[in-house]
Amino acid sequence: MALVSDLTTKILFETEKGYSYQCDLTNSIIINFTDTVSSYKIQDFLIFQRKVNSVDILDMLYDLSDHADVQLIETTKKNFSRNLTICEIVQLRELLNGTKFTLSLHSMLCSIANVELI
């Protein structure tokens, strides 16, 4: 794995609870969330992001049963599998949505730059 100083120049998005960066060697997105590191190809990352966004936070808040306090979040390839509290789900959403926004913005800027160069 790369040194921390190398990672800081390639960070896509960062929050208090984690950060994400793109690995050029493996062509994947690395998510470090509360000391859990997971790696995703772009398609897997988008699936994971949609899955986390699909968790019904309001339903969890209004459900008074004990089992509603946490939700098992896992990916299809078992890169990430944890029981997360409501706060952690919101924090993970922020990290994943910020990462997706950064990737979309970068893609849009690259396509604009290519058009202007032609």
N, C-alpha and C. Protein backbone atom coordinates (compact mmCIF):
# COMPACT_ATOMS: atom_id res chain seq x y z
N MET A 1 0.84 -1.17 0.00
CA MET A 1 0.00 0.00 0.00
C MET A 1 0.89 1.24 0.00
N ALA A 2 0.40 2.30 -0.55
CA ALA A 2 1.18 3.53 -0.66
C ALA A 2 1.36 4.20 0.70
N LEU A 3 2.34 5.06 0.78
CA LEU A 3 2.57 5.81 2.00
C LEU A 3 1.45 6.82 2.20
N VAL A 4 1.25 7.23 3.47
CA VAL A 4 0.19 8.18 3.77
C VAL A 4 0.40 9.49 3.03
N SER A 5 1.65 9.94 2.89
CA SER A 5 1.91 11.20 2.18
C SER A 5 1.50 11.10 0.72
N ASP A 6 1.62 9.92 0.13
CA ASP A 6 1.18 9.72 -1.25
C ASP A 6 -0.34 9.75 -1.35
N LEU A 7 -1.02 9.27 -0.31
CA LEU A 7 -2.47 9.20 -0.33
C LEU A 7 -3.11 10.58 -0.23
N THR A 8 -2.50 11.45 0.54
CA THR A 8 -3.12 12.75 0.77
C THR A 8 -3.21 13.58 -0.50
N THR A 9 -2.38 13.33 -1.47
CA THR A 9 -2.46 14.09 -2.72
C THR A 9 -3.54 13.54 -3.64
N LYS A 10 -4.04 12.36 -3.36
CA LYS A 10 -5.04 11.73 -4.23
C LYS A 10 -6.39 11.56 -3.55
N ILE A 11 -6.59 12.20 -2.42
CA ILE A 11 -7.85 12.06 -1.70
C ILE A 11 -8.98 12.67 -2.51
N LEU A 12 -10.06 11.90 -2.68
CA LEU A 12 -11.22 12.39 -3.41
C LEU A 12 -12.14 13.20 -2.51
N PHE A 13 -12.40 12.67 -1.31
CA PHE A 13 -13.32 13.33 -0.39
C PHE A 13 -12.95 12.91 1.03
N GLU A 14 -13.13 13.83 1.98
CA GLU A 14 -12.75 13.54 3.36
C GLU A 14 -13.79 14.12 4.31
N THR A 15 -14.11 13.35 5.36
CA THR A 15 -14.99 13.80 6.43
C THR A 15 -14.29 13.52 7.76
N GLU A 16 -14.97 13.82 8.85
CA GLU A 16 -14.40 13.54 10.16
C GLU A 16 -14.21 12.04 10.40
N LYS A 17 -15.07 11.24 9.80
CA LYS A 17 -15.06 9.80 10.05
C LYS A 17 -14.32 8.97 9.01
N GLY A 18 -13.85 9.61 7.94
CA GLY A 18 -13.15 8.82 6.94
C GLY A 18 -12.77 9.63 5.72
N TYR A 19 -12.23 8.92 4.75
CA TYR A 19 -11.83 9.55 3.50
C TYR A 19 -11.86 8.51 2.39
N SER A 20 -11.82 9.00 1.17
CA SER A 20 -11.79 8.11 0.01
C SER A 20 -10.71 8.60 -0.94
N TYR A 21 -10.14 7.68 -1.66
CA TYR A 21 -9.15 8.03 -2.68
C TYR A 21 -9.20 7.02 -3.81
N GLN A 22 -8.64 7.41 -4.93
CA GLN A 22 -8.62 6.55 -6.10
C GLN A 22 -7.24 5.95 -6.25
N CYS A 23 -7.18 4.64 -6.39
CA CYS A 23 -5.92 3.94 -6.60
C CYS A 23 -5.72 3.75 -8.10
N ASP A 24 -4.69 4.37 -8.65
CA ASP A 24 -4.43 4.26 -10.08
C ASP A 24 -3.88 2.89 -10.46
N LEU A 25 -3.21 2.22 -9.54
CA LEU A 25 -2.63 0.91 -9.85
C LEU A 25 -3.71 -0.17 -10.02
N THR A 26 -4.71 -0.13 -9.17
CA THR A 26 -5.76 -1.15 -9.22
C THR A 26 -7.04 -0.63 -9.88
N ASN A 27 -7.05 0.64 -10.25
CA ASN A 27 -8.21 1.27 -10.87
C ASN A 27 -9.45 1.08 -10.01
N SER A 28 -9.31 1.42 -8.73
CA SER A 28 -10.42 1.24 -7.80
C SER A 28 -10.52 2.42 -6.84
N ILE A 29 -11.65 2.50 -6.17
CA ILE A 29 -11.92 3.52 -5.17
C ILE A 29 -11.71 2.87 -3.80
N ILE A 30 -10.91 3.49 -2.98
CA ILE A 30 -10.64 2.98 -1.63
C ILE A 30 -11.41 3.85 -0.65
N ILE A 31 -12.19 3.22 0.21
CA ILE A 31 -12.96 3.91 1.24
C ILE A 31 -12.38 3.53 2.60
N ASN A 32 -12.01 4.54 3.38
CA ASN A 32 -11.56 4.33 4.75
C ASN A 32 -12.60 5.00 5.64
N PHE A 33 -13.44 4.19 6.26
CA PHE A 33 -14.51 4.71 7.11
C PHE A 33 -14.35 4.13 8.50
N THR A 34 -14.14 4.97 9.47
CA THR A 34 -13.91 4.59 10.88
C THR A 34 -12.96 3.39 10.97
N ASP A 35 -11.82 3.52 10.36
CA ASP A 35 -10.74 2.52 10.39
C ASP A 35 -11.11 1.20 9.72
N THR A 36 -12.12 1.19 8.88
CA THR A 36 -12.43 0.04 8.04
C THR A 36 -12.11 0.43 6.61
N VAL A 37 -11.18 -0.29 6.01
CA VAL A 37 -10.75 0.03 4.65
C VAL A 37 -11.34 -0.99 3.69
N SER A 38 -11.96 -0.48 2.63
CA SER A 38 -12.53 -1.36 1.61
C SER A 38 -12.26 -0.79 0.24
N SER A 39 -12.12 -1.68 -0.73
CA SER A 39 -11.75 -1.30 -2.09
C SER A 39 -12.87 -1.72 -3.04
N TYR A 40 -13.19 -0.85 -4.02
CA TYR A 40 -14.27 -1.10 -4.95
C TYR A 40 -13.89 -0.71 -6.36
N LYS A 41 -14.27 -1.51 -7.32
CA LYS A 41 -14.26 -1.07 -8.71
C LYS A 41 -15.39 -0.06 -8.82
N ILE A 42 -15.37 0.80 -9.81
CA ILE A 42 -16.32 1.90 -9.88
C ILE A 42 -17.76 1.42 -9.87
N GLN A 43 -18.07 0.35 -10.59
CA GLN A 43 -19.45 -0.16 -10.63
C GLN A 43 -19.88 -0.67 -9.26
N ASP A 44 -18.97 -1.37 -8.55
CA ASP A 44 -19.28 -1.86 -7.21
C ASP A 44 -19.46 -0.70 -6.23
N PHE A 45 -18.65 0.35 -6.39
CA PHE A 45 -18.78 1.53 -5.55
C PHE A 45 -20.16 2.16 -5.73
N LEU A 46 -20.62 2.29 -6.97
CA LEU A 46 -21.92 2.90 -7.23
C LEU A 46 -23.07 2.06 -6.65
N ILE A 47 -22.94 0.74 -6.72
CA ILE A 47 -23.94 -0.15 -6.13
C ILE A 47 -23.96 0.01 -4.61
N PHE A 48 -22.77 0.07 -4.00
CA PHE A 48 -22.67 0.24 -2.55
C PHE A 48 -23.25 1.58 -2.14
N GLN A 49 -22.97 2.63 -2.88
CA GLN A 49 -23.47 3.96 -2.57
C GLN A 49 -25.00 3.98 -2.64
N ARG A 50 -25.57 3.36 -3.66
CA ARG A 50 -27.03 3.29 -3.77
C ARG A 50 -27.64 2.48 -2.62
N LYS A 51 -26.96 1.42 -2.23
CA LYS A 51 -27.47 0.58 -1.13
C LYS A 51 -27.50 1.36 0.18
N VAL A 52 -26.45 2.10 0.46
CA VAL A 52 -26.41 2.89 1.69
C VAL A 52 -27.46 3.99 1.64
N ASN A 53 -27.65 4.60 0.48
CA ASN A 53 -28.66 5.65 0.34
C ASN A 53 -30.08 5.11 0.44
N SER A 54 -30.26 3.83 0.18
CA SER A 54 -31.61 3.26 0.22
C SER A 54 -32.08 2.90 1.63
N VAL A 55 -31.20 2.97 2.62
CA VAL A 55 -31.60 2.68 4.00
C VAL A 55 -32.58 3.77 4.45
N ASP A 56 -33.72 3.36 4.97
CA ASP A 56 -34.76 4.29 5.40
C ASP A 56 -34.46 4.76 6.82
N ILE A 57 -33.82 5.91 6.92
CA ILE A 57 -33.42 6.46 8.22
C ILE A 57 -34.65 6.80 9.07
N LEU A 58 -35.66 7.41 8.44
CA LEU A 58 -36.86 7.78 9.20
C LEU A 58 -37.55 6.56 9.79
N ASP A 59 -37.59 5.48 9.04
CA ASP A 59 -38.18 4.25 9.55
C ASP A 59 -37.40 3.75 10.76
N MET A 60 -36.09 3.84 10.70
CA MET A 60 -35.26 3.42 11.84
C MET A 60 -35.51 4.32 13.05
N LEU A 61 -35.67 5.61 12.81
CA LEU A 61 -35.90 6.55 13.91
C LEU A 61 -37.23 6.32 14.60
N TYR A 62 -38.27 6.04 13.82
CA TYR A 62 -39.61 5.87 14.39
C TYR A 62 -39.86 4.48 14.96
N ASP A 63 -39.06 3.52 14.58
CA ASP A 63 -39.20 2.16 15.10
C ASP A 63 -38.57 2.11 16.49
N LEU A 64 -39.35 1.80 17.50
CA LEU A 64 -38.86 1.82 18.88
C LEU A 64 -38.26 0.50 19.33
N SER A 65 -38.26 -0.50 18.48
CA SER A 65 -37.69 -1.79 18.87
C SER A 65 -36.16 -1.70 18.91
N ASP A 66 -35.57 -2.59 19.67
CA ASP A 66 -34.12 -2.59 19.83
C ASP A 66 -33.37 -2.92 18.55
N HIS A 67 -33.93 -3.81 17.73
CA HIS A 67 -33.23 -4.22 16.51
C HIS A 67 -33.18 -3.09 15.47
N ALA A 68 -33.99 -2.05 15.63
CA ALA A 68 -34.02 -0.94 14.66
C ALA A 68 -32.90 0.08 14.90
N ASP A 69 -32.15 -0.09 15.98
CA ASP A 69 -31.08 0.87 16.29
C ASP A 69 -29.88 0.71 15.37
N VAL A 70 -29.71 -0.46 14.79
CA VAL A 70 -28.58 -0.71 13.89
C VAL A 70 -29.09 -1.38 12.62
N GLN A 71 -28.31 -1.24 11.57
CA GLN A 71 -28.64 -1.86 10.28
C GLN A 71 -27.37 -2.52 9.75
N LEU A 72 -27.51 -3.75 9.30
CA LEU A 72 -26.38 -4.44 8.68
C LEU A 72 -26.18 -3.89 7.28
N ILE A 73 -25.01 -3.35 7.03
CA ILE A 73 -24.65 -2.84 5.71
C ILE A 73 -23.51 -3.71 5.21
N GLU A 74 -23.72 -4.34 4.07
CA GLU A 74 -22.67 -5.15 3.48
C GLU A 74 -22.73 -5.07 1.97
N THR A 75 -21.60 -5.33 1.36
CA THR A 75 -21.53 -5.31 -0.10
C THR A 75 -21.59 -6.73 -0.62
N THR A 76 -21.82 -6.83 -1.91
CA THR A 76 -21.97 -8.16 -2.51
C THR A 76 -20.68 -8.96 -2.45
N LYS A 77 -19.55 -8.30 -2.54
CA LYS A 77 -18.27 -9.01 -2.52
C LYS A 77 -17.64 -9.03 -1.13
N LYS A 78 -18.41 -8.66 -0.12
CA LYS A 78 -17.98 -8.70 1.28
C LYS A 78 -16.77 -7.80 1.54
N ASN A 79 -16.65 -6.70 0.77
CA ASN A 79 -15.60 -5.73 1.05
C ASN A 79 -15.90 -4.97 2.34
N PHE A 80 -17.19 -4.84 2.63
CA PHE A 80 -17.63 -4.08 3.79
C PHE A 80 -18.82 -4.80 4.38
N SER A 81 -18.75 -5.13 5.65
CA SER A 81 -19.87 -5.77 6.33
C SER A 81 -19.83 -5.35 7.80
N ARG A 82 -20.75 -4.44 8.15
CA ARG A 82 -20.80 -3.95 9.53
C ARG A 82 -22.22 -3.59 9.92
N ASN A 83 -22.49 -3.72 11.19
CA ASN A 83 -23.72 -3.18 11.75
C ASN A 83 -23.47 -1.73 12.07
N LEU A 84 -24.24 -0.84 11.46
CA LEU A 84 -24.04 0.59 11.64
C LEU A 84 -25.24 1.21 12.35
N THR A 85 -24.95 2.17 13.22
CA THR A 85 -26.00 2.93 13.87
C THR A 85 -26.54 3.96 12.88
N ILE A 86 -27.60 4.62 13.27
CA ILE A 86 -28.19 5.65 12.41
C ILE A 86 -27.17 6.73 12.10
N CYS A 87 -26.45 7.19 13.11
CA CYS A 87 -25.44 8.25 12.91
C CYS A 87 -24.35 7.78 11.96
N GLU A 88 -23.90 6.54 12.12
CA GLU A 88 -22.85 6.02 11.24
C GLU A 88 -23.34 5.90 9.80
N ILE A 89 -24.60 5.53 9.62
CA ILE A 89 -25.15 5.44 8.26
C ILE A 89 -25.16 6.82 7.60
N VAL A 90 -25.57 7.83 8.36
CA VAL A 90 -25.57 9.19 7.83
C VAL A 90 -24.15 9.64 7.49
N GLN A 91 -23.19 9.31 8.35
CA GLN A 91 -21.80 9.68 8.10
C GLN A 91 -21.23 8.95 6.89
N LEU A 92 -21.57 7.67 6.74
CA LEU A 92 -21.12 6.91 5.58
C LEU A 92 -21.76 7.45 4.31
N ARG A 93 -23.03 7.82 4.38
CA ARG A 93 -23.69 8.44 3.22
C ARG A 93 -22.96 9.70 2.78
N GLU A 94 -22.60 10.53 3.76
CA GLU A 94 -21.90 11.76 3.44
C GLU A 94 -20.59 11.47 2.71
N LEU A 95 -19.86 10.49 3.18
CA LEU A 95 -18.58 10.12 2.56
C LEU A 95 -18.80 9.57 1.15
N LEU A 96 -19.73 8.67 0.98
CA LEU A 96 -19.97 8.06 -0.33
C LEU A 96 -20.55 9.06 -1.33
N ASN A 97 -21.49 9.89 -0.88
CA ASN A 97 -22.08 10.87 -1.79
C ASN A 97 -21.07 11.94 -2.18
N GLY A 98 -20.22 12.34 -1.25
CA GLY A 98 -19.16 13.30 -1.57
C GLY A 98 -18.16 12.72 -2.55
N THR A 99 -17.84 11.45 -2.39
CA THR A 99 -16.92 10.78 -3.31
C THR A 99 -17.54 10.69 -4.70
N LYS A 100 -18.81 10.32 -4.77
CA LYS A 100 -19.48 10.23 -6.07
C LYS A 100 -19.54 11.60 -6.74
N PHE A 101 -19.81 12.65 -5.97
CA PHE A 101 -19.85 13.99 -6.52
C PHE A 101 -18.49 14.37 -7.09
N THR A 102 -17.42 14.08 -6.36
CA THR A 102 -16.07 14.40 -6.82
C THR A 102 -15.75 13.66 -8.11
N LEU A 103 -16.10 12.38 -8.18
CA LEU A 103 -15.86 11.60 -9.39
C LEU A 103 -16.66 12.15 -10.58
N SER A 104 -17.92 12.52 -10.33
CA SER A 104 -18.75 13.08 -11.40
C SER A 104 -18.21 14.42 -11.87
N LEU A 105 -17.79 15.25 -10.94
CA LEU A 105 -17.23 16.56 -11.29
C LEU A 105 -15.94 16.40 -12.10
N HIS A 106 -15.09 15.49 -11.68
CA HIS A 106 -13.84 15.25 -12.39
C HIS A 106 -14.11 14.76 -13.82
N SER A 107 -15.06 13.85 -13.95
CA SER A 107 -15.42 13.33 -15.26
C SER A 107 -15.96 14.43 -16.17
N MET A 108 -16.80 15.29 -15.60
CA MET A 108 -17.38 16.39 -16.38
C MET A 108 -16.29 17.38 -16.80
N LEU A 109 -15.38 17.70 -15.91
CA LEU A 109 -14.30 18.63 -16.25
C LEU A 109 -13.38 18.05 -17.32
N CYS A 110 -13.11 16.76 -17.24
CA CYS A 110 -12.28 16.12 -18.27
C CYS A 110 -12.96 16.14 -19.63
N SER A 111 -14.27 15.88 -19.65
CA SER A 111 -14.97 15.90 -20.94
C SER A 111 -15.02 17.30 -21.52
N ILE A 112 -15.17 18.32 -20.69
CA ILE A 112 -15.16 19.70 -21.17
C ILE A 112 -13.78 20.08 -21.69
N ALA A 113 -12.75 19.67 -20.97
CA ALA A 113 -11.38 19.98 -21.40
C ALA A 113 -11.06 19.30 -22.73
N ASN A 114 -11.54 18.08 -22.93
CA ASN A 114 -11.30 17.37 -24.21
C ASN A 114 -12.02 18.04 -25.37
N VAL A 115 -13.22 18.56 -25.13
CA VAL A 115 -13.97 19.24 -26.17
C VAL A 115 -13.26 20.52 -26.59
N GLU A 116 -12.75 21.26 -25.60
CA GLU A 116 -12.07 22.53 -25.90
C GLU A 116 -10.75 22.34 -26.60
N LEU A 117 -10.11 21.17 -26.41
CA LEU A 117 -8.81 20.92 -27.04
C LEU A 117 -8.96 20.56 -28.51
N ILE A 118 -10.10 20.10 -28.90
CA ILE A 118 -10.31 19.65 -30.29
C ILE A 118 -10.50 20.79 -31.21
